Amino acid sequence: MFQGGSKSFKFLFWGLALVWMIVIFAFSSQANSGAYTETYLQDANVPVRKFAHMFEYAVLAVLYQTALAGTLAPSEIDLGHDKKHSLKHYFFALFLAVLYALSDEWHQAFVPGRSASLLDSAVDTLGAAIGLASVYWLRRIFIRGAQREQDQK
């Protein structure tokens, strides 16, 4: 994925994760947003909003995982043992995403026209898990392809 030797590049994904957290916070701060979107989306309002939450947290979790892999692992990828592919980074990224989802729901409890719901946190967590699982398997496919190419040389 990314091989940065410089410290600034390694922390790029932490910065991107922070920016994405601010975006999520900004959306969560919009009063009565459900009523506004229902005007336009009508019956599709709830499914569209839930999928949007899943997408937000899938992106956040992947940014966390990539940032963790870049700062906790060596910057070089050894095709035989990909440090960025370590499951501990995925689980810790999921943990961070769950914590942010819970804090986001708590924040929404103070926004007019919004409510806090553990079910919404579960939807966010599902999105994070789907995002991480997708990236995990895509990276495995790419690593295996690179290993085959290297073996054929």
Protein backbone atom coordinates (compact mmCIF):
# COMPACT_ATOMS: atom_id res chain seq x y z
CA MET A 1 0.00 0.00 0.00
CA PHE A 2 2.07 2.95 1.17
CA GLN A 3 5.74 2.80 1.88
CA GLY A 4 6.84 6.03 3.43
CA GLY A 5 10.27 6.48 4.81
CA SER A 6 9.62 9.97 6.12
CA LYS A 7 7.86 10.56 9.40
CA SER A 8 5.55 13.15 7.86
CA PHE A 9 4.24 10.59 5.36
CA LYS A 10 3.75 8.02 8.12
CA PHE A 11 1.52 10.46 9.98
CA LEU A 12 -0.45 11.49 6.89
CA PHE A 13 -3.15 8.90 7.63
CA TRP A 14 -3.47 10.09 11.23
CA GLY A 15 -4.13 13.56 9.83
CA LEU A 16 -6.64 12.18 7.34
CA ALA A 17 -8.36 10.25 10.14
CA LEU A 18 -8.57 13.44 12.21
CA VAL A 19 -10.06 15.34 9.26
CA TRP A 20 -12.59 12.54 8.71
CA MET A 21 -13.51 12.61 12.42
CA ILE A 22 -14.17 16.35 12.10
CA VAL A 23 -16.38 15.69 9.06
CA ILE A 24 -18.39 13.11 11.02
CA PHE A 25 -18.65 15.51 13.97
CA ALA A 26 -19.87 18.30 11.67
CA PHE A 27 -22.59 16.08 10.19
CA SER A 28 -23.60 14.96 13.68
CA SER A 29 -23.90 18.57 14.80
CA GLN A 30 -26.63 19.39 12.27
CA ALA A 31 -29.87 19.93 14.17
CA ASN A 32 -32.97 18.16 12.85
CA SER A 33 -31.03 16.63 9.96
CA GLY A 34 -33.28 13.57 9.85
CA ALA A 35 -36.34 15.74 9.23
CA TYR A 36 -34.58 17.59 6.42
CA THR A 37 -33.43 14.49 4.60
CA GLU A 38 -36.82 12.84 5.04
CA THR A 39 -38.35 15.67 3.00
CA TYR A 40 -36.19 14.68 0.03
CA LEU A 41 -35.69 10.95 0.52
CA GLN A 42 -39.11 10.06 1.99
CA ASP A 43 -39.28 6.26 2.47
CA ALA A 44 -35.61 5.83 1.57
CA ASN A 45 -34.53 8.22 4.35
CA VAL A 46 -33.66 5.64 7.01
CA PRO A 47 -31.82 3.16 4.74
CA VAL A 48 -29.85 5.91 3.00
CA ARG A 49 -28.84 7.48 6.32
CA LYS A 50 -27.82 4.09 7.78
CA PHE A 51 -25.72 3.26 4.71
CA ALA A 52 -24.14 6.71 4.92
CA HIS A 53 -23.20 6.03 8.55
CA MET A 54 -21.76 2.65 7.58
CA PHE A 55 -19.70 4.29 4.83
CA GLU A 56 -18.45 7.06 7.16
CA TYR A 57 -17.20 4.52 9.68
CA ALA A 58 -15.79 2.15 7.05
CA VAL A 59 -13.60 5.01 5.82
CA LEU A 60 -12.66 6.03 9.36
CA ALA A 61 -11.68 2.49 10.37
CA VAL A 62 -9.57 2.01 7.23
CA LEU A 63 -7.80 5.32 7.88
CA TYR A 64 -7.14 4.23 11.48
CA GLN A 65 -5.79 0.85 10.33
CA THR A 66 -3.53 2.39 7.70
CA ALA A 67 -2.26 4.93 10.21
CA LEU A 68 -1.59 2.22 12.79
CA ALA A 69 0.23 0.08 10.25
CA GLY A 70 2.39 3.01 9.22
CA THR A 71 3.35 4.11 12.71
CA LEU A 72 3.53 0.82 14.60
CA ALA A 73 5.18 -1.30 11.90
CA PRO A 74 8.39 -0.97 9.92
CA SER A 75 8.05 1.17 6.81
CA GLU A 76 9.25 -1.62 4.53
CA ILE A 77 6.90 -4.36 3.35
CA ASP A 78 8.38 -7.82 3.34
CA LEU A 79 6.17 -9.78 0.96
CA GLY A 80 6.64 -12.86 3.09
CA HIS A 81 5.28 -11.15 6.20
CA ASP A 82 3.35 -7.95 5.60
CA LYS A 83 3.40 -5.88 8.80
CA LYS A 84 0.58 -3.69 7.49
CA HIS A 85 -1.49 -6.84 7.22
CA SER A 86 -1.19 -7.63 10.94
CA LEU A 87 -4.54 -8.44 12.50
CA LYS A 88 -3.72 -6.44 15.62
CA HIS A 89 -3.89 -3.24 13.54
CA TYR A 90 -7.31 -4.21 12.25
CA PHE A 91 -8.71 -5.02 15.67
CA PHE A 92 -7.28 -1.87 17.23
CA ALA A 93 -8.67 0.19 14.34
CA LEU A 94 -12.09 -1.38 14.94
CA PHE A 95 -11.80 -0.58 18.64
CA LEU A 96 -10.98 3.07 17.88
CA ALA A 97 -13.90 3.30 15.43
CA VAL A 98 -16.29 1.85 18.04
CA LEU A 99 -15.07 4.37 20.62
CA TYR A 100 -15.62 7.22 18.19
CA ALA A 101 -19.07 5.89 17.24
CA LEU A 102 -20.08 5.80 20.91
CA SER A 103 -18.73 9.29 21.53
CA ASP A 104 -20.56 10.52 18.41
CA GLU A 105 -23.86 9.13 19.69
CA TRP A 106 -23.26 10.78 23.06
CA HIS A 107 -22.57 14.06 21.24
CA GLN A 108 -25.83 13.72 19.29
CA ALA A 109 -27.78 13.52 22.54
CA PHE A 110 -27.07 17.24 22.98
CA VAL A 111 -27.99 18.29 19.42
CA PRO A 112 -31.58 19.53 18.91
CA GLY A 113 -33.63 17.12 16.85
CA ARG A 114 -31.07 14.32 17.21
CA SER A 115 -30.99 11.39 19.57
CA ALA A 116 -28.42 8.97 20.91
CA SER A 117 -28.89 5.31 20.06
CA LEU A 118 -26.77 2.25 20.71
CA LEU A 119 -28.37 0.76 17.58
CA ASP A 120 -26.80 3.58 15.54
CA SER A 121 -23.43 2.80 17.14
CA ALA A 122 -23.93 -0.84 16.13
CA VAL A 123 -24.60 0.26 12.52
CA ASP A 124 -21.43 2.38 12.63
CA THR A 125 -19.49 -0.59 14.03
CA LEU A 126 -20.84 -2.85 11.29
CA GLY A 127 -19.68 -0.34 8.68
CA ALA A 128 -16.23 -0.19 10.25
CA ALA A 129 -16.00 -3.98 10.32
CA ILE A 130 -17.11 -4.30 6.68
CA GLY A 131 -14.58 -1.65 5.61
CA LEU A 132 -11.75 -3.34 7.47
CA ALA A 133 -12.68 -6.82 6.23
CA SER A 134 -12.82 -5.55 2.65
CA VAL A 135 -9.41 -3.91 2.89
CA TYR A 136 -7.95 -6.96 4.64
CA TRP A 137 -9.00 -9.31 1.84
CA LEU A 138 -8.04 -6.89 -0.94
CA ARG A 139 -4.57 -6.52 0.56
CA ARG A 140 -4.23 -10.31 0.82
CA ILE A 141 -5.12 -10.65 -2.86
CA PHE A 142 -2.58 -8.01 -3.88
CA ILE A 143 0.15 -9.49 -1.68
CA ARG A 144 -0.41 -12.99 -3.10
CA GLY A 145 -0.27 -11.58 -6.64
CA ALA A 146 2.99 -9.79 -5.85
CA GLN A 147 4.42 -12.97 -4.30
CA ARG A 148 3.52 -14.98 -7.42
CA GLU A 149 5.21 -12.40 -9.63
CA GLN A 150 8.31 -12.46 -7.44
CA ASP A 151 8.38 -16.29 -7.43
CA GLN A 152 8.19 -16.39 -11.22
CA LYS A 153 11.33 -14.26 -11.58
